[in-house]
Amino acid sequence: MSTGTAIAVDPHVVTCTLAPRFEAVRTAREFARSTLHGWGLGALFDDVALVASELVTNALRHALEQRTDAPSAESVRILTESVRVPAQPGPTQAVAARLPIRISLVHRSPQVVCAVSDPSSRGPVAREPDFVAESGRGLHLVDSFSRAWGWHPLAGAGKVVWAVFEAENETAGRHRRSA
C-alpha cells in the first residue's frame, strides 16, 4: 500500500496508519480488500469499502483542517471543496496535529467493525439530505450500508468513528441493513 502501514498483532484486529494525502482513501479501500479477502469475507468488500472511503474522506476533510502540519489549504480545498482554517491553533489542535488517521478492521464473528480514528475531537454530524449538493451524504451512506455506526472521543484528543457489518449470513454485504 503506497500511503499506509498495516499492523496486525491479532490476525482478527488489523490497523493501517494513513498518510494525510489524497491517496489515503484508495489505501483504505486496498487495505479493506486485502484484509477481508484474507478473512474469507470478500463478499463484504463493496459495503466496507464504501463506508471506509466515506469515513477516511471525512477524516481528511474535517479533522485535518485543524492540523498545523496538514497539507496546504489549497490542497485540502481541492480535496474537500471547502476548508476552514483557524487563525490561531489552540492547545487541543497542537496535540491533534501529532495524531494520525488510522483505519482498523476487527473481525469478531459474526461481525466486522470498520473504525477510523482521527485527530479531531468533534463528532460527525449528519446533514439534512440535499439532493443537489455535491457533498453531505456520506454519513447517510454509512448509515445505509452498515448494521450500525457511531463514534467515541479518544482520551486526550481525537475520536474514532465506527461501523458494524454482519459477516456470516446470507445477507452479508450488498446493502442489507435491517431495522
N, C-alpha and C. Protein backbone atom coordinates (compact mmCIF):
# COMPACT_ATOMS: atom_id res chain seq x y z
N MET A 1 0.83 -1.16 0.00
CA MET A 1 0.00 0.00 0.00
C MET A 1 0.89 1.24 0.00
N SER A 2 0.61 2.13 -0.85
CA SER A 2 1.50 3.24 -1.09
C SER A 2 1.55 4.29 0.01
N THR A 3 0.48 4.49 0.76
CA THR A 3 0.49 5.58 1.73
C THR A 3 0.18 5.12 3.14
N GLY A 4 0.17 3.84 3.41
CA GLY A 4 -0.18 3.39 4.74
C GLY A 4 0.71 2.27 5.21
N THR A 5 0.71 2.07 6.52
CA THR A 5 1.46 0.99 7.12
C THR A 5 0.48 0.14 7.89
N ALA A 6 0.38 -1.14 7.55
CA ALA A 6 -0.56 -2.05 8.21
C ALA A 6 0.13 -2.75 9.38
N ILE A 7 -0.61 -2.90 10.48
CA ILE A 7 -0.11 -3.56 11.67
C ILE A 7 -1.13 -4.62 12.07
N ALA A 8 -0.64 -5.84 12.38
CA ALA A 8 -1.55 -6.90 12.82
C ALA A 8 -0.86 -7.74 13.88
N VAL A 9 -1.26 -7.58 15.14
CA VAL A 9 -0.76 -8.42 16.21
C VAL A 9 -1.71 -9.61 16.35
N ASP A 10 -2.99 -9.32 16.41
CA ASP A 10 -4.05 -10.31 16.41
C ASP A 10 -4.54 -10.39 14.96
N PRO A 11 -4.59 -11.56 14.35
CA PRO A 11 -5.00 -11.63 12.94
C PRO A 11 -6.43 -11.16 12.67
N HIS A 12 -7.21 -10.98 13.72
CA HIS A 12 -8.58 -10.51 13.55
C HIS A 12 -8.75 -9.05 13.94
N VAL A 13 -7.65 -8.37 14.22
CA VAL A 13 -7.65 -6.94 14.51
C VAL A 13 -6.47 -6.35 13.73
N VAL A 14 -6.78 -5.63 12.67
CA VAL A 14 -5.74 -5.12 11.78
C VAL A 14 -5.91 -3.62 11.63
N THR A 15 -4.80 -2.89 11.70
CA THR A 15 -4.84 -1.43 11.63
C THR A 15 -3.86 -0.94 10.58
N CYS A 16 -4.25 0.11 9.88
CA CYS A 16 -3.40 0.74 8.88
C CYS A 16 -3.34 2.23 9.17
N THR A 17 -2.13 2.76 9.33
CA THR A 17 -1.95 4.20 9.52
C THR A 17 -1.90 4.85 8.15
N LEU A 18 -2.69 5.88 7.96
CA LEU A 18 -2.82 6.52 6.66
C LEU A 18 -2.10 7.86 6.63
N ALA A 19 -1.41 8.12 5.56
CA ALA A 19 -0.77 9.41 5.37
C ALA A 19 -1.84 10.46 5.06
N PRO A 20 -1.64 11.70 5.49
CA PRO A 20 -2.64 12.74 5.23
C PRO A 20 -2.55 13.25 3.80
N ARG A 21 -2.83 12.35 2.85
CA ARG A 21 -2.74 12.68 1.43
C ARG A 21 -3.97 12.15 0.72
N PHE A 22 -4.13 12.61 -0.51
CA PHE A 22 -5.27 12.21 -1.33
C PHE A 22 -5.36 10.68 -1.47
N GLU A 23 -4.22 10.03 -1.54
CA GLU A 23 -4.18 8.58 -1.76
C GLU A 23 -4.69 7.77 -0.58
N ALA A 24 -4.90 8.41 0.56
CA ALA A 24 -5.31 7.68 1.76
C ALA A 24 -6.64 6.95 1.56
N VAL A 25 -7.55 7.53 0.81
CA VAL A 25 -8.84 6.88 0.59
C VAL A 25 -8.65 5.60 -0.22
N ARG A 26 -7.84 5.66 -1.25
CA ARG A 26 -7.54 4.45 -2.04
C ARG A 26 -6.83 3.41 -1.18
N THR A 27 -5.89 3.87 -0.37
CA THR A 27 -5.16 2.95 0.50
C THR A 27 -6.11 2.26 1.47
N ALA A 28 -7.08 2.99 2.01
CA ALA A 28 -8.06 2.40 2.92
C ALA A 28 -8.87 1.31 2.21
N ARG A 29 -9.26 1.55 0.96
CA ARG A 29 -10.00 0.53 0.20
C ARG A 29 -9.13 -0.68 -0.07
N GLU A 30 -7.86 -0.47 -0.44
CA GLU A 30 -6.95 -1.59 -0.69
C GLU A 30 -6.74 -2.40 0.59
N PHE A 31 -6.58 -1.70 1.70
CA PHE A 31 -6.42 -2.34 3.00
C PHE A 31 -7.66 -3.18 3.32
N ALA A 32 -8.85 -2.63 3.10
CA ALA A 32 -10.09 -3.37 3.35
C ALA A 32 -10.18 -4.60 2.45
N ARG A 33 -9.83 -4.44 1.18
CA ARG A 33 -9.89 -5.57 0.25
C ARG A 33 -8.99 -6.70 0.70
N SER A 34 -7.73 -6.40 0.96
CA SER A 34 -6.78 -7.46 1.31
C SER A 34 -7.15 -8.10 2.65
N THR A 35 -7.60 -7.30 3.61
CA THR A 35 -7.96 -7.84 4.92
C THR A 35 -9.19 -8.74 4.82
N LEU A 36 -10.24 -8.25 4.18
CA LEU A 36 -11.47 -9.05 4.07
C LEU A 36 -11.24 -10.32 3.28
N HIS A 37 -10.47 -10.25 2.20
CA HIS A 37 -10.17 -11.47 1.44
C HIS A 37 -9.36 -12.44 2.28
N GLY A 38 -8.43 -11.92 3.08
CA GLY A 38 -7.65 -12.77 3.97
C GLY A 38 -8.51 -13.49 5.00
N TRP A 39 -9.59 -12.86 5.41
CA TRP A 39 -10.52 -13.47 6.36
C TRP A 39 -11.59 -14.32 5.67
N GLY A 40 -11.55 -14.38 4.34
CA GLY A 40 -12.57 -15.12 3.61
C GLY A 40 -13.91 -14.41 3.57
N LEU A 41 -13.88 -13.08 3.69
CA LEU A 41 -15.11 -12.28 3.73
C LEU A 41 -15.18 -11.30 2.56
N GLY A 42 -14.72 -11.73 1.40
CA GLY A 42 -14.70 -10.86 0.23
C GLY A 42 -16.07 -10.32 -0.15
N ALA A 43 -17.14 -11.03 0.21
CA ALA A 43 -18.50 -10.57 -0.13
C ALA A 43 -18.84 -9.25 0.57
N LEU A 44 -18.14 -8.93 1.66
CA LEU A 44 -18.41 -7.68 2.38
C LEU A 44 -17.67 -6.49 1.78
N PHE A 45 -16.77 -6.75 0.84
CA PHE A 45 -15.87 -5.68 0.39
C PHE A 45 -16.59 -4.43 -0.10
N ASP A 46 -17.58 -4.56 -0.95
CA ASP A 46 -18.23 -3.37 -1.51
C ASP A 46 -18.79 -2.46 -0.43
N ASP A 47 -19.49 -3.04 0.53
CA ASP A 47 -20.08 -2.24 1.60
C ASP A 47 -19.01 -1.63 2.50
N VAL A 48 -18.04 -2.44 2.91
CA VAL A 48 -16.99 -1.95 3.80
C VAL A 48 -16.15 -0.89 3.08
N ALA A 49 -15.84 -1.11 1.82
CA ALA A 49 -15.02 -0.14 1.07
C ALA A 49 -15.74 1.20 0.94
N LEU A 50 -17.03 1.17 0.69
CA LEU A 50 -17.79 2.41 0.57
C LEU A 50 -17.77 3.16 1.91
N VAL A 51 -18.03 2.46 3.00
CA VAL A 51 -18.04 3.10 4.31
C VAL A 51 -16.65 3.58 4.69
N ALA A 52 -15.63 2.76 4.45
CA ALA A 52 -14.25 3.18 4.75
C ALA A 52 -13.89 4.43 3.97
N SER A 53 -14.27 4.47 2.70
CA SER A 53 -14.00 5.65 1.87
C SER A 53 -14.64 6.89 2.46
N GLU A 54 -15.89 6.78 2.88
CA GLU A 54 -16.60 7.91 3.46
C GLU A 54 -15.96 8.37 4.77
N LEU A 55 -15.62 7.42 5.64
CA LEU A 55 -15.05 7.78 6.93
C LEU A 55 -13.66 8.40 6.79
N VAL A 56 -12.84 7.86 5.89
CA VAL A 56 -11.50 8.42 5.69
C VAL A 56 -11.61 9.79 5.02
N THR A 57 -12.51 9.94 4.07
CA THR A 57 -12.72 11.25 3.44
C THR A 57 -13.14 12.28 4.48
N ASN A 58 -14.05 11.89 5.38
CA ASN A 58 -14.46 12.81 6.45
C ASN A 58 -13.29 13.17 7.35
N ALA A 59 -12.44 12.20 7.67
CA ALA A 59 -11.27 12.49 8.50
C ALA A 59 -10.34 13.47 7.79
N LEU A 60 -10.11 13.26 6.51
CA LEU A 60 -9.26 14.19 5.75
C LEU A 60 -9.90 15.56 5.66
N ARG A 61 -11.18 15.58 5.42
CA ARG A 61 -11.89 16.84 5.21
C ARG A 61 -12.03 17.64 6.49
N HIS A 62 -12.46 17.01 7.57
CA HIS A 62 -12.82 17.74 8.78
C HIS A 62 -11.75 17.72 9.86
N ALA A 63 -11.03 16.63 10.00
CA ALA A 63 -10.05 16.54 11.09
C ALA A 63 -8.74 17.22 10.73
N LEU A 64 -8.31 17.10 9.49
CA LEU A 64 -7.01 17.64 9.13
C LEU A 64 -7.04 19.14 8.91
N GLU A 65 -8.20 19.73 8.75
CA GLU A 65 -8.24 21.17 8.53
C GLU A 65 -7.75 21.92 9.76
N GLN A 66 -7.74 21.28 10.93
CA GLN A 66 -7.25 21.96 12.12
C GLN A 66 -5.80 21.64 12.43
N ARG A 67 -5.18 20.76 11.67
CA ARG A 67 -3.79 20.40 11.95
C ARG A 67 -2.84 21.50 11.47
N THR A 68 -1.80 21.71 12.24
CA THR A 68 -0.81 22.71 11.87
C THR A 68 0.16 22.19 10.83
N ASP A 69 0.30 20.87 10.72
CA ASP A 69 1.22 20.30 9.73
C ASP A 69 0.46 19.63 8.58
N ALA A 70 -0.80 19.97 8.42
CA ALA A 70 -1.64 19.38 7.39
C ALA A 70 -1.22 19.90 6.02
N PRO A 71 -1.71 19.26 4.94
CA PRO A 71 -1.44 19.77 3.61
C PRO A 71 -1.90 21.21 3.49
N SER A 72 -1.41 21.90 2.48
CA SER A 72 -1.76 23.30 2.30
C SER A 72 -3.28 23.47 2.16
N ALA A 73 -3.74 24.65 2.49
CA ALA A 73 -5.18 24.94 2.39
C ALA A 73 -5.68 24.71 0.98
N GLU A 74 -4.88 25.06 -0.02
CA GLU A 74 -5.29 24.85 -1.41
C GLU A 74 -5.45 23.36 -1.72
N SER A 75 -4.53 22.53 -1.22
CA SER A 75 -4.64 21.09 -1.44
C SER A 75 -5.88 20.53 -0.78
N VAL A 76 -6.14 20.96 0.45
CA VAL A 76 -7.32 20.47 1.15
C VAL A 76 -8.58 20.98 0.46
N ARG A 77 -8.57 22.25 0.00
CA ARG A 77 -9.74 22.79 -0.69
C ARG A 77 -10.05 21.97 -1.93
N ILE A 78 -9.03 21.61 -2.68
CA ILE A 78 -9.25 20.81 -3.89
C ILE A 78 -9.85 19.46 -3.50
N LEU A 79 -9.35 18.87 -2.42
CA LEU A 79 -9.85 17.57 -1.99
C LEU A 79 -11.27 17.67 -1.45
N THR A 80 -11.55 18.70 -0.70
CA THR A 80 -12.79 18.73 0.05
C THR A 80 -13.82 19.74 -0.41
N GLU A 81 -13.46 20.60 -1.34
CA GLU A 81 -14.33 21.64 -1.88
C GLU A 81 -14.60 22.76 -0.89
N SER A 82 -14.21 22.62 0.36
CA SER A 82 -14.33 23.72 1.31
C SER A 82 -13.38 23.46 2.46
N VAL A 83 -12.79 24.52 2.99
CA VAL A 83 -11.88 24.36 4.11
C VAL A 83 -12.02 25.57 5.03
N ARG A 84 -11.99 25.32 6.32
CA ARG A 84 -11.97 26.39 7.31
C ARG A 84 -10.68 26.25 8.08
N VAL A 85 -9.79 27.22 7.97
CA VAL A 85 -8.51 27.17 8.65
C VAL A 85 -8.55 28.17 9.80
N PRO A 86 -8.38 27.72 11.05
CA PRO A 86 -8.42 28.65 12.16
C PRO A 86 -7.24 29.60 12.14
N ALA A 87 -7.44 30.82 12.64
CA ALA A 87 -6.39 31.82 12.63
C ALA A 87 -5.26 31.45 13.58
N GLN A 88 -5.57 30.95 14.77
CA GLN A 88 -4.56 30.59 15.76
C GLN A 88 -4.83 29.17 16.24
N PRO A 89 -3.89 28.23 16.02
CA PRO A 89 -4.12 26.89 16.55
C PRO A 89 -4.07 26.91 18.08
N GLY A 90 -5.02 26.25 18.72
CA GLY A 90 -5.07 26.19 20.18
C GLY A 90 -4.35 24.97 20.70
N PRO A 91 -4.32 24.74 22.02
CA PRO A 91 -3.60 23.61 22.59
C PRO A 91 -4.14 22.27 22.14
N THR A 92 -5.46 22.14 22.01
CA THR A 92 -6.02 20.88 21.53
C THR A 92 -5.57 20.61 20.11
N GLN A 93 -5.48 21.64 19.30
CA GLN A 93 -5.04 21.46 17.92
C GLN A 93 -3.57 21.07 17.86
N ALA A 94 -2.74 21.56 18.78
CA ALA A 94 -1.34 21.17 18.80
C ALA A 94 -1.20 19.69 19.11
N VAL A 95 -2.00 19.18 20.06
CA VAL A 95 -2.00 17.75 20.36
C VAL A 95 -2.52 16.97 19.17
N ALA A 96 -3.61 17.44 18.58
CA ALA A 96 -4.23 16.75 17.44
C ALA A 96 -3.29 16.69 16.25
N ALA A 97 -2.41 17.67 16.11
CA ALA A 97 -1.51 17.69 14.97
C ALA A 97 -0.58 16.49 14.95
N ARG A 98 -0.37 15.88 16.12
CA ARG A 98 0.53 14.73 16.19
C ARG A 98 -0.19 13.40 15.99
N LEU A 99 -1.51 13.41 15.98
CA LEU A 99 -2.27 12.17 15.84
C LEU A 99 -2.52 11.85 14.38
N PRO A 100 -2.29 10.62 13.98
CA PRO A 100 -2.53 10.24 12.59
C PRO A 100 -3.98 9.82 12.36
N ILE A 101 -4.29 9.58 11.11
CA ILE A 101 -5.55 8.93 10.75
C ILE A 101 -5.25 7.45 10.63
N ARG A 102 -6.09 6.63 11.25
CA ARG A 102 -5.92 5.18 11.19
C ARG A 102 -7.24 4.53 10.83
N ILE A 103 -7.15 3.46 10.06
CA ILE A 103 -8.31 2.62 9.82
C ILE A 103 -8.02 1.26 10.43
N SER A 104 -9.01 0.72 11.12
CA SER A 104 -8.88 -0.60 11.73
C SER A 104 -10.06 -1.45 11.31
N LEU A 105 -9.79 -2.71 11.08
CA LEU A 105 -10.85 -3.69 10.82
C LEU A 105 -10.73 -4.76 11.90
N VAL A 106 -11.87 -5.09 12.49
CA VAL A 106 -11.92 -6.08 13.56
C VAL A 106 -12.95 -7.13 13.17
N HIS A 107 -12.54 -8.40 13.18
CA HIS A 107 -13.46 -9.49 12.87
C HIS A 107 -13.70 -10.31 14.12
N ARG A 108 -14.87 -10.18 14.67
CA ARG A 108 -15.34 -11.00 15.78
C ARG A 108 -16.65 -11.59 15.30
N SER A 109 -16.58 -12.83 14.89
CA SER A 109 -17.71 -13.49 14.28
C SER A 109 -18.95 -13.32 15.14
N PRO A 110 -20.06 -12.94 14.59
CA PRO A 110 -20.39 -12.83 13.17
C PRO A 110 -20.29 -11.41 12.62
N GLN A 111 -19.47 -10.56 13.24
CA GLN A 111 -19.44 -9.17 12.80
C GLN A 111 -18.04 -8.72 12.41
N VAL A 112 -18.03 -7.67 11.57
CA VAL A 112 -16.81 -6.95 11.23
C VAL A 112 -17.05 -5.49 11.59
N VAL A 113 -16.08 -4.89 12.26
CA VAL A 113 -16.16 -3.47 12.59
C VAL A 113 -15.09 -2.75 11.79
N CYS A 114 -15.49 -1.68 11.14
CA CYS A 114 -14.56 -0.78 10.45
C CYS A 114 -14.52 0.48 11.29
N ALA A 115 -13.32 0.87 11.74
CA ALA A 115 -13.18 2.04 12.60
C ALA A 115 -12.10 2.95 12.03
N VAL A 116 -12.38 4.25 12.00
CA VAL A 116 -11.42 5.25 11.54
C VAL A 116 -11.21 6.24 12.67
N SER A 117 -9.95 6.37 13.09
CA SER A 117 -9.63 7.36 14.13
C SER A 117 -8.93 8.54 13.48
N ASP A 118 -9.17 9.72 14.05
CA ASP A 118 -8.55 10.93 13.51
C ASP A 118 -8.29 11.91 14.64
N PRO A 119 -7.56 12.98 14.37
CA PRO A 119 -7.15 13.90 15.43
C PRO A 119 -8.23 14.86 15.93
N SER A 120 -9.36 14.94 15.30
CA SER A 120 -10.39 15.89 15.73
C SER A 120 -11.25 15.27 16.83
N SER A 121 -11.58 16.06 17.82
CA SER A 121 -12.48 15.61 18.88
C SER A 121 -13.94 15.92 18.56
N ARG A 122 -14.17 16.65 17.48
CA ARG A 122 -15.55 16.96 17.06
C ARG A 122 -16.21 15.73 16.46
N GLY A 123 -17.40 15.43 16.92
CA GLY A 123 -18.12 14.28 16.41
C GLY A 123 -18.72 14.54 15.05
N PRO A 124 -18.96 13.47 14.29
CA PRO A 124 -19.58 13.63 12.97
C PRO A 124 -21.04 14.04 13.12
N VAL A 125 -21.50 14.86 12.19
CA VAL A 125 -22.89 15.32 12.20
C VAL A 125 -23.49 15.08 10.82
N ALA A 126 -24.53 14.27 10.78
CA ALA A 126 -25.21 14.02 9.51
C ALA A 126 -26.02 15.25 9.14
N ARG A 127 -25.87 15.72 7.92
CA ARG A 127 -26.63 16.87 7.44
C ARG A 127 -27.97 16.41 6.90
N GLU A 128 -28.88 17.36 6.80
CA GLU A 128 -30.13 17.08 6.11
C GLU A 128 -29.80 16.77 4.66
N PRO A 129 -30.43 15.77 4.08
CA PRO A 129 -30.13 15.45 2.68
C PRO A 129 -30.43 16.62 1.75
N ASP A 130 -29.49 16.93 0.92
CA ASP A 130 -29.65 17.96 -0.11
C ASP A 130 -29.29 17.29 -1.43
N PHE A 131 -30.29 16.99 -2.21
CA PHE A 131 -30.11 16.17 -3.39
C PHE A 131 -29.41 16.89 -4.54
N VAL A 132 -29.19 18.19 -4.40
CA VAL A 132 -28.45 18.91 -5.45
C VAL A 132 -27.03 19.24 -5.01
N ALA A 133 -26.71 19.09 -3.72
CA ALA A 133 -25.36 19.37 -3.23
C ALA A 133 -24.40 18.27 -3.69
N GLU A 134 -23.13 18.64 -3.85
CA GLU A 134 -22.12 17.67 -4.26
C GLU A 134 -21.51 16.92 -3.09
N SER A 135 -21.81 17.34 -1.88
CA SER A 135 -21.29 16.64 -0.71
C SER A 135 -22.37 16.65 0.37
N GLY A 136 -22.09 15.95 1.48
CA GLY A 136 -23.01 15.95 2.59
C GLY A 136 -23.85 14.71 2.75
N ARG A 137 -23.64 13.71 1.90
CA ARG A 137 -24.43 12.49 2.00
C ARG A 137 -23.66 11.32 2.61
N GLY A 138 -22.40 11.53 2.96
CA GLY A 138 -21.54 10.44 3.40
C GLY A 138 -22.05 9.67 4.60
N LEU A 139 -22.47 10.37 5.65
CA LEU A 139 -22.94 9.66 6.83
C LEU A 139 -24.28 8.95 6.59
N HIS A 140 -25.06 9.45 5.65
CA HIS A 140 -26.29 8.74 5.26
C HIS A 140 -25.93 7.42 4.58
N LEU A 141 -24.86 7.43 3.78
CA LEU A 141 -24.39 6.19 3.15
C LEU A 141 -23.86 5.22 4.21
N VAL A 142 -23.08 5.74 5.15
CA VAL A 142 -22.57 4.91 6.24
C VAL A 142 -23.73 4.26 6.97
N ASP A 143 -24.77 5.02 7.27
CA ASP A 143 -25.94 4.51 7.96
C ASP A 143 -26.66 3.44 7.14
N SER A 144 -26.72 3.64 5.84
CA SER A 144 -27.44 2.70 4.97
C SER A 144 -26.69 1.40 4.73
N PHE A 145 -25.37 1.46 4.65
CA PHE A 145 -24.60 0.29 4.25
C PHE A 145 -24.02 -0.49 5.41
N SER A 146 -24.20 -0.01 6.64
CA SER A 146 -23.71 -0.74 7.80
C SER A 146 -24.89 -1.13 8.70
N ARG A 147 -24.65 -2.08 9.56
CA ARG A 147 -25.69 -2.52 10.50
C ARG A 147 -25.95 -1.44 11.55
N ALA A 148 -24.86 -0.81 12.01
CA ALA A 148 -24.93 0.27 12.99
C ALA A 148 -23.64 1.08 12.87
N TRP A 149 -23.67 2.33 13.33
CA TRP A 149 -22.46 3.14 13.34
C TRP A 149 -22.54 4.13 14.49
N GLY A 150 -21.40 4.67 14.86
CA GLY A 150 -21.35 5.65 15.93
C GLY A 150 -19.95 6.21 16.05
N TRP A 151 -19.70 6.92 17.12
CA TRP A 151 -18.37 7.48 17.36
C TRP A 151 -18.15 7.63 18.86
N HIS A 152 -16.86 7.68 19.23
CA HIS A 152 -16.46 7.88 20.61
C HIS A 152 -15.24 8.78 20.64
N PRO A 153 -15.19 9.70 21.62
CA PRO A 153 -13.97 10.51 21.77
C PRO A 153 -12.84 9.62 22.31
N LEU A 154 -11.62 9.98 21.97
CA LEU A 154 -10.46 9.28 22.48
C LEU A 154 -9.88 10.09 23.65
N ALA A 155 -9.20 9.43 24.56
CA ALA A 155 -8.60 10.11 25.71
C ALA A 155 -7.59 11.14 25.21
N GLY A 156 -7.68 12.34 25.71
CA GLY A 156 -6.74 13.39 25.32
C GLY A 156 -7.23 14.20 24.15
N ALA A 157 -7.28 13.60 23.00
CA ALA A 157 -7.73 14.28 21.78
C ALA A 157 -8.07 13.23 20.75
N GLY A 158 -8.89 13.62 19.81
CA GLY A 158 -9.25 12.72 18.71
C GLY A 158 -10.53 11.96 18.98
N LYS A 159 -10.91 11.19 17.97
CA LYS A 159 -12.13 10.39 18.06
C LYS A 159 -11.97 9.17 17.17
N VAL A 160 -12.86 8.23 17.36
CA VAL A 160 -12.96 7.07 16.46
C VAL A 160 -14.40 6.98 16.00
N VAL A 161 -14.58 6.83 14.69
CA VAL A 161 -15.91 6.64 14.09
C VAL A 161 -15.94 5.19 13.60
N TRP A 162 -16.97 4.45 13.96
CA TRP A 162 -17.02 3.03 13.65
C TRP A 162 -18.33 2.65 12.96
N ALA A 163 -18.25 1.54 12.23
CA ALA A 163 -19.43 0.98 11.58
C ALA A 163 -19.35 -0.54 11.70
N VAL A 164 -20.49 -1.17 11.94
CA VAL A 164 -20.56 -2.62 12.14
C VAL A 164 -21.25 -3.26 10.93
N PHE A 165 -20.70 -4.40 10.51
CA PHE A 165 -21.24 -5.17 9.39
C PHE A 165 -21.47 -6.60 9.84
N GLU A 166 -22.54 -7.22 9.34
CA GLU A 166 -22.79 -8.64 9.61
C GLU A 166 -21.93 -9.45 8.64
N ALA A 167 -21.17 -10.40 9.17
CA ALA A 167 -20.21 -11.12 8.35
C ALA A 167 -20.63 -12.51 7.92
N GLU A 168 -21.42 -13.20 8.73
CA GLU A 168 -21.67 -14.60 8.41
C GLU A 168 -23.15 -14.93 8.33
N ASN A 169 -23.76 -14.50 7.25
CA ASN A 169 -25.12 -14.92 6.95
C ASN A 169 -25.40 -14.64 5.48
N GLU A 170 -26.51 -15.07 5.00
CA GLU A 170 -26.81 -14.92 3.58
C GLU A 170 -26.93 -13.46 3.16
N THR A 171 -27.19 -12.56 4.12
CA THR A 171 -27.38 -11.17 3.78
C THR A 171 -26.11 -10.33 3.93
N ALA A 172 -24.98 -10.98 4.17
CA ALA A 172 -23.74 -10.21 4.33
C ALA A 172 -23.43 -9.46 3.05
N GLY A 173 -23.12 -8.20 3.20
CA GLY A 173 -22.77 -7.38 2.04
C GLY A 173 -24.00 -6.91 1.29
N ARG A 174 -23.76 -6.10 0.32
CA ARG A 174 -24.76 -5.59 -0.62
C ARG A 174 -25.92 -4.87 0.04
N HIS A 175 -25.63 -3.97 0.94
CA HIS A 175 -26.63 -3.02 1.45
C HIS A 175 -27.82 -3.74 2.08
N ARG A 176 -27.56 -4.49 3.14
CA ARG A 176 -28.60 -5.29 3.78
C ARG A 176 -28.88 -4.80 5.19
N ARG A 177 -29.10 -3.53 5.39
CA ARG A 177 -29.38 -3.04 6.74
C ARG A 177 -30.79 -3.43 7.15
N SER A 178 -30.92 -3.98 8.32
CA SER A 178 -32.26 -4.32 8.82
C SER A 178 -32.54 -3.50 10.07
N ALA A 179 -33.79 -3.29 10.36
CA ALA A 179 -34.19 -2.44 11.49
C ALA A 179 -33.97 -3.10 12.81
